[in-house]
Amino acid sequence: MTVIDSSTLANGLPLYRVGLEGTRAVTVLVAFDAGARTERPEENGMAHFLEHLVFKGGEKYDDYRKVNETAERMGGSLNAYTSHDLVAFHITVRAEAALEAIDLLTDFAGRPKIDAAELDRERGVVIQEIQRYKDQPASVAEDLIDRAAFGDHPLGRTVLGPEEHLRTFSREAIVGFRERRWAGARGGAFVVGNLDSVPDTAHVAHLFGRFPTLPEPETFPPAPEQIEANVLVEERDTNQSHLRMLYRPVVDVRDPAQRAALSIYSTLLGGSMGSRLFDEIREQRGLCYSVWAIDHAFADLPVLALGAGLDSTKCSEAFARMREIVGELRDDGPTEEEVERARAYAAGRRVLAFENTNAVARYAANQAIVFGEDIDPDGAIARLDAVTHDQVRAVAADVADRLAIAVVGPHTEDEFAA
């Protein structure tokens, strides 16, 4: 049984306490609606760069060694992530170390030094990260499909940003971005797991109060109503190709039940070894080793992504058949048995994922900050269990044959023309 309570601190930051039975772990996570889609064009890459810089230390743990060594002495797993939606900082520890973990995380993330001397060192690290991604064809394909679908819109830009931007970011600009975007009203603090050692006291509120009181940020540009149907190919002389396809389903992302139905649809399409894509593209036809489908809901836009890694000589055939399978589901709908199996699989995977306090914390942050919805993990499982065949059939019927396409490999764009 999940026990949840929430309050809003004086700095405007909502604090959620999510008690989970049967665990000896606690995850502390703080996140803000300050991901890559909130950047101005010249700032692209700044949200992610700022994520790196705060780990260099705060007031109490005032350098990176103190941050890292303190986390290790707790036996903790400390990390962060930046997406188009969010920037988040999190640490998972044994329950007895929870207060110390909150002290650490709120110090360096809530009152970071952002030392100018560290900028150039970390700038070089992030540029190396960008170069590493360029050497990974699968990562390049992910960036290409975003650009093919969204063009110059913020959702079409990379989270890491271009190298030339990283070289120009100043401390003043980075601090300005933080003060503009990291407002408590558009963020949240989450303490998830065994809360026996985390009393609901003024001391805990004081620690999370280290995040400054900031004005609520401006809204970011809305997502386009339709994706762009572009084909982008990065030609590489390789034996393997990486294919990506992106559709915009007709789903109201403000409706949790519709998002759940989209998840069941993507599961039966390509989310398991029993899915249509895996069974036919991989098992029956042997066209690839890896093939999949996944759904994602931004705050204002649902997307359905398909992908495959495969022998370059089989890429065109796989693409054509994957597109046909989406069309068959649109015209004929899934079977009752497919929906039942996909529903059981998706809900079961969610149950297993929620055995991990970090997974629950990430889910809660997305629910609260991106969608402004209830964060109850039991409710998430129940919504998947409740999805009907008719709901999934409706999702399938509304996936129009309009898609963006991206490929990395020895190909040309005309191979994938509509």
Protein backbone atom coordinates (compact mmCIF):
# COMPACT_ATOMS: atom_id res chain seq x y z
CA MET A 1 0.00 0.00 0.00
CA THR A 2 1.45 3.36 -1.05
CA VAL A 3 1.17 6.21 1.45
CA ILE A 4 1.47 9.68 -0.08
CA ASP A 5 1.38 13.11 1.45
CA SER A 6 2.34 16.46 0.02
CA SER A 7 2.95 20.02 1.08
CA THR A 8 4.25 23.21 -0.50
CA LEU A 9 7.32 24.85 1.00
CA ALA A 10 7.83 28.57 1.50
CA ASN A 11 9.96 28.74 -1.67
CA GLY A 12 7.04 27.36 -3.71
CA LEU A 13 8.58 23.89 -4.11
CA PRO A 14 6.06 21.06 -3.68
CA LEU A 15 7.37 18.28 -1.40
CA TYR A 16 5.96 14.78 -1.91
CA ARG A 17 6.54 11.96 0.57
CA VAL A 18 5.78 8.56 -0.97
CA GLY A 19 5.99 5.69 1.48
CA LEU A 20 6.46 2.21 0.00
CA GLU A 21 6.17 -0.99 2.01
CA GLY A 22 8.77 -3.73 1.91
CA THR A 23 11.85 -1.73 0.93
CA ARG A 24 14.98 -0.69 2.80
CA ALA A 25 15.82 2.04 0.29
CA VAL A 26 14.95 5.71 -0.18
CA THR A 27 15.25 7.81 -3.32
CA VAL A 28 15.44 11.57 -3.03
CA LEU A 29 14.74 13.36 -6.31
CA VAL A 30 14.34 17.04 -7.14
CA ALA A 31 13.23 18.05 -10.64
CA PHE A 32 12.23 21.15 -12.55
CA ASP A 33 10.37 21.93 -15.73
CA ALA A 34 13.66 23.16 -17.19
CA GLY A 35 14.58 20.68 -19.89
CA ALA A 36 15.82 21.29 -23.41
CA ARG A 37 12.46 22.43 -24.77
CA THR A 38 12.52 25.44 -22.40
CA GLU A 39 15.79 26.78 -23.85
CA ARG A 40 15.95 29.74 -26.19
CA PRO A 41 17.59 28.87 -29.55
CA GLU A 42 20.98 30.27 -28.57
CA GLU A 43 20.80 28.39 -25.24
CA ASN A 44 20.42 24.91 -26.71
CA GLY A 45 22.55 22.59 -24.56
CA MET A 46 22.50 24.88 -21.52
CA ALA A 47 20.02 22.86 -19.45
CA HIS A 48 22.24 19.78 -19.73
CA PHE A 49 25.46 21.76 -19.13
CA LEU A 50 23.98 23.27 -15.97
CA GLU A 51 23.10 19.75 -14.78
CA HIS A 52 26.81 18.89 -14.99
CA LEU A 53 28.02 22.07 -13.31
CA VAL A 54 26.02 21.82 -10.09
CA PHE A 55 27.83 18.58 -9.20
CA LYS A 56 31.00 20.65 -8.69
CA GLY A 57 29.77 21.60 -5.23
CA GLY A 58 27.58 23.83 -3.08
CA GLU A 59 28.14 25.64 0.21
CA LYS A 60 28.65 22.73 2.59
CA TYR A 61 30.00 20.16 0.14
CA ASP A 62 32.00 22.73 -1.75
CA ASP A 63 33.86 20.69 -4.33
CA TYR A 64 33.20 17.66 -6.49
CA ARG A 65 35.29 15.35 -4.30
CA LYS A 66 33.20 16.11 -1.23
CA VAL A 67 30.01 15.52 -3.21
CA ASN A 68 31.17 12.20 -4.65
CA GLU A 69 32.88 10.88 -1.53
CA THR A 70 29.94 11.77 0.72
CA ALA A 71 27.58 9.86 -1.57
CA GLU A 72 29.93 6.86 -1.56
CA ARG A 73 30.19 6.85 2.25
CA MET A 74 26.41 6.51 2.32
CA GLY A 75 26.56 3.63 -0.15
CA GLY A 76 24.44 5.85 -2.36
CA SER A 77 23.79 5.96 -6.09
CA LEU A 78 23.93 9.63 -7.13
CA ASN A 79 23.02 10.85 -10.61
CA ALA A 80 20.97 13.27 -12.71
CA TYR A 81 19.29 13.49 -16.08
CA THR A 82 18.15 16.11 -18.54
CA SER A 83 15.46 15.44 -21.14
CA HIS A 84 13.34 17.71 -23.29
CA ASP A 85 10.83 17.71 -20.42
CA LEU A 86 12.82 17.92 -17.20
CA VAL A 87 16.09 18.32 -15.38
CA ALA A 88 16.34 16.09 -12.30
CA PHE A 89 18.84 15.23 -9.57
CA HIS A 90 18.49 12.05 -7.54
CA ILE A 91 20.19 9.86 -4.99
CA THR A 92 19.17 6.41 -3.75
CA VAL A 93 20.45 5.21 -0.38
CA ARG A 94 19.65 2.82 2.44
CA ALA A 95 16.84 4.25 4.53
CA GLU A 96 19.07 5.06 7.51
CA ALA A 97 21.06 7.52 5.39
CA ALA A 98 18.05 9.39 4.01
CA LEU A 99 18.51 12.63 5.95
CA GLU A 100 22.17 12.82 5.04
CA ALA A 101 21.23 12.20 1.41
CA ILE A 102 18.73 15.07 1.50
CA ASP A 103 21.39 17.30 3.04
CA LEU A 104 23.84 16.45 0.25
CA LEU A 105 21.42 16.77 -2.67
CA THR A 106 19.84 20.02 -1.52
CA ASP A 107 23.25 21.57 -0.88
CA PHE A 108 24.86 21.15 -4.28
CA ALA A 109 21.65 21.28 -6.34
CA GLY A 110 19.88 23.94 -4.26
CA ARG A 111 22.79 26.32 -3.72
CA PRO A 112 25.48 25.42 -6.28
CA LYS A 113 28.63 27.52 -6.61
CA ILE A 114 28.78 27.29 -10.40
CA ASP A 115 32.40 28.25 -10.16
CA ALA A 116 33.67 30.06 -13.24
CA ALA A 117 36.95 28.14 -12.97
CA GLU A 118 35.05 24.88 -13.45
CA LEU A 119 33.27 26.00 -16.60
CA ASP A 120 36.09 25.37 -19.03
CA ARG A 121 37.00 22.00 -17.53
CA GLU A 122 33.43 20.75 -17.66
CA ARG A 123 32.88 22.38 -21.05
CA GLY A 124 35.53 20.05 -22.43
CA VAL A 125 33.88 17.04 -20.78
CA VAL A 126 30.48 17.78 -22.32
CA ILE A 127 32.03 18.39 -25.74
CA GLN A 128 33.60 14.93 -25.46
CA GLU A 129 30.15 13.57 -24.58
CA ILE A 130 28.76 15.19 -27.74
CA GLN A 131 31.56 13.66 -29.82
CA ARG A 132 30.93 10.24 -28.29
CA TYR A 133 27.28 10.41 -29.34
CA LYS A 134 28.32 11.34 -32.87
CA ASP A 135 30.36 8.13 -32.96
CA GLN A 136 27.29 6.07 -32.04
CA PRO A 137 25.01 5.58 -35.06
CA ALA A 138 22.01 4.70 -32.89
CA SER A 139 22.35 7.99 -31.00
CA VAL A 140 22.70 9.92 -34.25
CA ALA A 141 19.50 8.27 -35.50
CA GLU A 142 17.65 9.45 -32.38
CA ASP A 143 18.74 13.04 -33.00
CA LEU A 144 17.87 12.80 -36.69
CA ILE A 145 14.32 11.58 -36.08
CA ASP A 146 13.62 14.47 -33.71
CA ARG A 147 14.83 16.92 -36.37
CA ALA A 148 12.86 15.12 -39.09
CA ALA A 149 9.66 15.35 -37.04
CA PHE A 150 10.02 18.79 -35.44
CA GLY A 151 12.49 20.77 -37.53
CA ASP A 152 13.52 24.03 -35.82
CA HIS A 153 11.03 23.63 -32.97
CA PRO A 154 12.71 23.09 -29.56
CA LEU A 155 11.60 19.43 -29.65
CA GLY A 156 13.70 19.04 -32.79
CA ARG A 157 16.90 20.17 -31.07
CA THR A 158 19.25 17.83 -29.23
CA VAL A 159 19.41 17.81 -25.45
CA LEU A 160 23.22 18.02 -25.53
CA GLY A 161 23.19 20.97 -27.91
CA PRO A 162 25.77 21.77 -30.58
CA GLU A 163 29.45 21.98 -29.73
CA GLU A 164 29.67 25.61 -30.83
CA HIS A 165 27.09 26.60 -28.21
CA LEU A 166 29.02 24.89 -25.41
CA ARG A 167 32.08 26.97 -26.28
CA THR A 168 30.19 30.25 -25.79
CA PHE A 169 28.18 29.70 -22.57
CA SER A 170 29.21 32.13 -19.83
CA ARG A 171 28.66 31.81 -16.11
CA GLU A 172 26.33 34.81 -16.21
CA ALA A 173 24.16 33.20 -18.89
CA ILE A 174 24.03 29.86 -17.06
CA VAL A 175 23.06 31.46 -13.74
CA GLY A 176 20.47 33.50 -15.62
CA PHE A 177 18.95 30.35 -17.13
CA ARG A 178 18.76 28.72 -13.71
CA GLU A 179 17.10 31.77 -12.16
CA ARG A 180 14.64 31.91 -15.03
CA ARG A 181 13.68 28.21 -15.11
CA TRP A 182 14.29 26.53 -11.73
CA ALA A 183 11.22 27.92 -9.99
CA GLY A 184 9.64 25.88 -7.21
CA ALA A 185 6.21 26.40 -8.75
CA ARG A 186 7.38 24.41 -11.80
CA GLY A 187 9.31 21.77 -9.90
CA GLY A 188 8.98 19.17 -7.19
CA ALA A 189 10.89 17.34 -4.46
CA PHE A 190 10.17 13.64 -3.97
CA VAL A 191 11.19 11.36 -1.10
CA VAL A 192 10.22 7.81 -2.03
CA GLY A 193 10.61 4.48 -0.24
CA ASN A 194 11.12 3.57 3.42
CA LEU A 195 10.35 6.81 5.27
CA ASP A 196 10.99 5.56 8.82
CA SER A 197 14.12 7.73 8.99
CA VAL A 198 12.57 10.77 7.30
CA PRO A 199 10.32 12.48 9.85
CA ASP A 200 7.91 15.11 8.63
CA THR A 201 9.72 17.89 10.47
CA ALA A 202 10.78 21.49 10.07
CA HIS A 203 14.36 20.26 9.55
CA VAL A 204 13.41 18.38 6.37
CA ALA A 205 11.50 21.42 5.11
CA HIS A 206 14.52 23.59 5.92
CA LEU A 207 16.82 21.39 3.81
CA PHE A 208 14.55 21.55 0.77
CA GLY A 209 14.17 25.26 1.46
CA ARG A 210 17.74 25.71 0.23
CA PHE A 211 16.34 26.04 -3.28
CA PRO A 212 15.78 29.77 -3.84
CA THR A 213 12.39 31.41 -4.19
CA LEU A 214 12.07 32.33 -7.87
CA PRO A 215 9.26 33.74 -10.02
CA GLU A 216 7.25 31.28 -12.07
CA PRO A 217 8.86 30.96 -15.52
CA GLU A 218 7.38 31.89 -18.86
CA THR A 219 5.64 29.14 -20.77
CA PHE A 220 7.65 27.32 -23.41
CA PRO A 221 6.54 27.20 -27.07
CA PRO A 222 3.68 24.73 -27.57
CA ALA A 223 4.24 21.60 -29.58
CA PRO A 224 3.11 21.69 -33.21
CA GLU A 225 -0.27 20.13 -33.90
CA GLN A 226 1.27 17.94 -36.60
CA ILE A 227 4.75 16.52 -36.96
CA GLU A 228 6.72 17.24 -40.11
CA ALA A 229 6.85 14.32 -42.55
CA ASN A 230 10.52 14.69 -43.43
CA VAL A 231 13.04 12.02 -44.42
CA LEU A 232 16.59 12.57 -43.13
CA VAL A 233 19.47 10.24 -43.96
CA GLU A 234 23.02 10.44 -42.69
CA GLU A 235 25.00 8.41 -45.16
CA ARG A 236 27.68 6.22 -43.61
CA ASP A 237 29.65 3.46 -45.26
CA THR A 238 28.60 0.74 -42.84
CA ASN A 239 27.18 -2.78 -42.94
CA GLN A 240 24.59 -1.94 -40.30
CA SER A 241 21.82 0.66 -40.56
CA HIS A 242 19.73 2.35 -37.86
CA LEU A 243 16.15 3.11 -38.84
CA ARG A 244 13.73 5.38 -36.97
CA MET A 245 10.08 6.16 -37.75
CA LEU A 246 7.90 8.60 -35.81
CA TYR A 247 4.11 9.04 -35.88
CA ARG A 248 1.79 11.42 -34.05
CA PRO A 249 -1.18 9.43 -32.67
CA VAL A 250 -4.52 11.16 -32.10
CA VAL A 251 -4.43 10.88 -28.30
CA ASP A 252 -5.32 13.53 -25.73
CA VAL A 253 -2.23 13.54 -23.50
CA ARG A 254 -4.23 15.31 -20.78
CA ASP A 255 -6.31 12.13 -20.36
CA PRO A 256 -4.40 9.45 -18.37
CA ALA A 257 -6.70 6.72 -19.70
CA GLN A 258 -5.83 7.60 -23.30
CA ARG A 259 -2.13 7.63 -22.49
CA ALA A 260 -2.51 4.17 -20.95
CA ALA A 261 -4.27 2.90 -24.09
CA LEU A 262 -1.43 4.27 -26.22
CA SER A 263 1.06 2.36 -24.04
CA ILE A 264 -0.84 -0.90 -24.59
CA TYR A 265 -0.94 -0.21 -28.33
CA SER A 266 2.82 0.42 -28.54
CA THR A 267 3.42 -2.74 -26.48
CA LEU A 268 1.48 -5.00 -28.84
CA LEU A 269 3.02 -3.25 -31.85
CA GLY A 270 6.66 -3.52 -30.80
CA GLY A 271 7.16 -3.53 -27.05
CA SER A 272 7.72 -7.20 -26.37
CA MET A 273 8.97 -10.44 -27.92
CA GLY A 274 5.35 -11.34 -28.65
CA SER A 275 4.67 -8.06 -30.45
CA ARG A 276 3.83 -7.84 -34.14
CA LEU A 277 7.08 -6.15 -35.11
CA PHE A 278 9.32 -8.54 -33.20
CA ASP A 279 7.44 -11.63 -34.34
CA GLU A 280 7.37 -10.78 -38.03
CA ILE A 281 10.35 -8.49 -38.69
CA ARG A 282 12.81 -10.41 -36.52
CA GLU A 283 11.53 -13.95 -36.05
CA GLN A 284 9.62 -14.74 -39.26
CA ARG A 285 11.59 -12.69 -41.77
CA GLY A 286 14.97 -12.44 -40.03
CA LEU A 287 15.37 -8.84 -41.19
CA CYS A 288 16.97 -7.52 -38.01
CA TYR A 289 18.27 -8.30 -34.57
CA SER A 290 16.62 -5.34 -32.84
CA VAL A 291 13.17 -3.90 -33.59
CA TRP A 292 10.84 -2.02 -31.29
CA ALA A 293 8.06 0.51 -30.79
CA ILE A 294 7.70 2.93 -27.89
CA ASP A 295 5.27 5.69 -26.98
CA HIS A 296 6.06 8.97 -25.26
CA ALA A 297 3.82 11.78 -24.07
CA PHE A 298 5.17 15.28 -23.80
CA ALA A 299 3.06 17.78 -21.86
CA ASP A 300 1.15 18.63 -25.04
CA LEU A 301 1.98 15.99 -27.63
CA PRO A 302 1.92 12.19 -27.96
CA VAL A 303 4.43 10.42 -30.20
CA LEU A 304 4.86 6.85 -31.36
CA ALA A 305 8.40 5.85 -32.33
CA LEU A 306 9.51 2.71 -34.18
CA GLY A 307 13.09 1.65 -34.62
CA ALA A 308 15.36 -1.11 -35.87
CA GLY A 309 19.04 -1.92 -36.07
CA LEU A 310 19.72 -4.18 -39.03
CA ASP A 311 21.81 -5.28 -41.98
CA SER A 312 21.89 -2.38 -44.43
CA THR A 313 20.80 -4.60 -47.33
CA LYS A 314 17.55 -5.37 -45.49
CA CYS A 315 16.69 -1.85 -44.35
CA SER A 316 14.32 -0.87 -47.17
CA GLU A 317 12.37 -4.13 -46.92
CA ALA A 318 12.07 -3.82 -43.12
CA PHE A 319 10.92 -0.20 -43.40
CA ALA A 320 8.21 -1.05 -45.91
CA ARG A 321 6.89 -3.96 -43.85
CA MET A 322 6.98 -2.02 -40.55
CA ARG A 323 4.92 0.71 -42.15
CA GLU A 324 2.47 -1.89 -43.50
CA ILE A 325 2.03 -3.40 -40.04
CA VAL A 326 1.04 -0.01 -38.63
CA GLY A 327 -1.42 0.26 -41.51
CA GLU A 328 -2.88 -3.18 -40.85
CA LEU A 329 -3.49 -2.31 -37.23
CA ARG A 330 -5.11 0.94 -38.39
CA ASP A 331 -7.44 -0.84 -40.82
CA ASP A 332 -8.21 -4.09 -39.02
CA GLY A 333 -7.41 -3.32 -35.40
CA PRO A 334 -5.63 -5.59 -32.93
CA THR A 335 -7.14 -8.86 -31.81
CA GLU A 336 -8.69 -9.30 -28.38
CA GLU A 337 -5.92 -11.75 -27.49
CA GLU A 338 -3.20 -9.28 -28.49
CA VAL A 339 -4.67 -6.58 -26.28
CA GLU A 340 -5.10 -8.94 -23.35
CA ARG A 341 -1.52 -10.15 -23.61
CA ALA A 342 -0.05 -6.68 -24.11
CA ARG A 343 -2.08 -5.30 -21.20
CA ALA A 344 -0.83 -8.04 -18.88
CA TYR A 345 2.74 -7.55 -20.05
CA ALA A 346 2.73 -3.74 -19.75
CA ALA A 347 1.10 -3.79 -16.31
CA GLY A 348 3.43 -6.53 -15.12
CA ARG A 349 6.48 -4.59 -16.28
CA ARG A 350 5.20 -1.53 -14.44
CA VAL A 351 4.75 -3.56 -11.24
CA LEU A 352 8.31 -4.87 -11.48
CA ALA A 353 9.71 -1.42 -12.26
CA PHE A 354 7.98 0.03 -9.21
CA GLU A 355 9.90 -2.36 -6.98
CA ASN A 356 12.66 0.22 -7.51
CA THR A 357 12.28 3.44 -5.51
CA ASN A 358 14.13 5.42 -8.18
CA ALA A 359 11.64 4.34 -10.85
CA VAL A 360 8.74 5.44 -8.64
CA ALA A 361 10.42 8.80 -8.01
CA ARG A 362 10.96 9.39 -11.74
CA TYR A 363 7.36 8.44 -12.48
CA ALA A 364 6.12 10.78 -9.75
CA ALA A 365 8.20 13.68 -11.07
CA ASN A 366 6.82 13.21 -14.58
CA GLN A 367 3.25 12.96 -13.34
CA ALA A 368 3.43 15.98 -11.06
CA ILE A 369 5.57 18.36 -13.11
CA VAL A 370 4.85 17.48 -16.74
CA PHE A 371 1.15 16.62 -16.40
CA GLY A 372 0.10 18.15 -13.06
CA GLU A 373 -1.57 14.87 -12.11
CA ASP A 374 -1.86 12.46 -9.20
CA ILE A 375 1.42 10.62 -8.52
CA ASP A 376 0.00 7.39 -7.04
CA PRO A 377 1.98 4.47 -8.55
CA ASP A 378 -0.85 2.06 -7.73
CA GLY A 379 -3.11 4.18 -9.91
CA ALA A 380 -0.69 3.89 -12.82
CA ILE A 381 -0.88 0.11 -12.66
CA ALA A 382 -4.66 0.18 -12.31
CA ARG A 383 -5.02 2.37 -15.40
CA LEU A 384 -3.08 -0.13 -17.50
CA ASP A 385 -5.17 -3.01 -16.12
CA ALA A 386 -8.34 -1.12 -17.05
CA VAL A 387 -7.54 -0.51 -20.73
CA THR A 388 -10.12 -2.12 -23.04
CA HIS A 389 -9.87 -3.60 -26.50
CA ASP A 390 -12.06 -0.80 -27.88
CA GLN A 391 -9.73 1.87 -26.48
CA VAL A 392 -6.68 0.29 -28.08
CA ARG A 393 -8.54 -0.23 -31.36
CA ALA A 394 -9.41 3.48 -31.35
CA VAL A 395 -5.76 4.43 -30.87
CA ALA A 396 -4.66 2.13 -33.70
CA ALA A 397 -7.31 3.51 -36.06
CA ASP A 398 -6.11 7.07 -35.54
CA VAL A 399 -2.39 6.56 -36.29
CA ALA A 400 -2.42 8.28 -39.65
CA ASP A 401 0.04 7.26 -42.37
CA ARG A 402 2.00 10.47 -41.90
CA LEU A 403 5.43 9.93 -40.42
CA ALA A 404 8.93 11.26 -40.08
CA ILE A 405 11.79 8.95 -41.09
CA ALA A 406 15.46 8.95 -40.14
CA VAL A 407 18.20 6.53 -41.19
CA VAL A 408 21.91 6.23 -40.53
CA GLY A 409 23.68 3.99 -43.01
CA PRO A 410 24.58 3.61 -46.72
CA HIS A 411 21.27 4.93 -48.04
CA THR A 412 19.67 7.87 -49.83
CA GLU A 413 16.44 9.66 -49.01
CA ASP A 414 14.61 8.42 -52.11
CA GLU A 415 14.72 4.85 -50.76
CA PHE A 416 12.21 5.90 -48.09
CA ALA A 417 9.96 8.26 -50.04
CA ALA A 418 6.23 7.91 -49.48
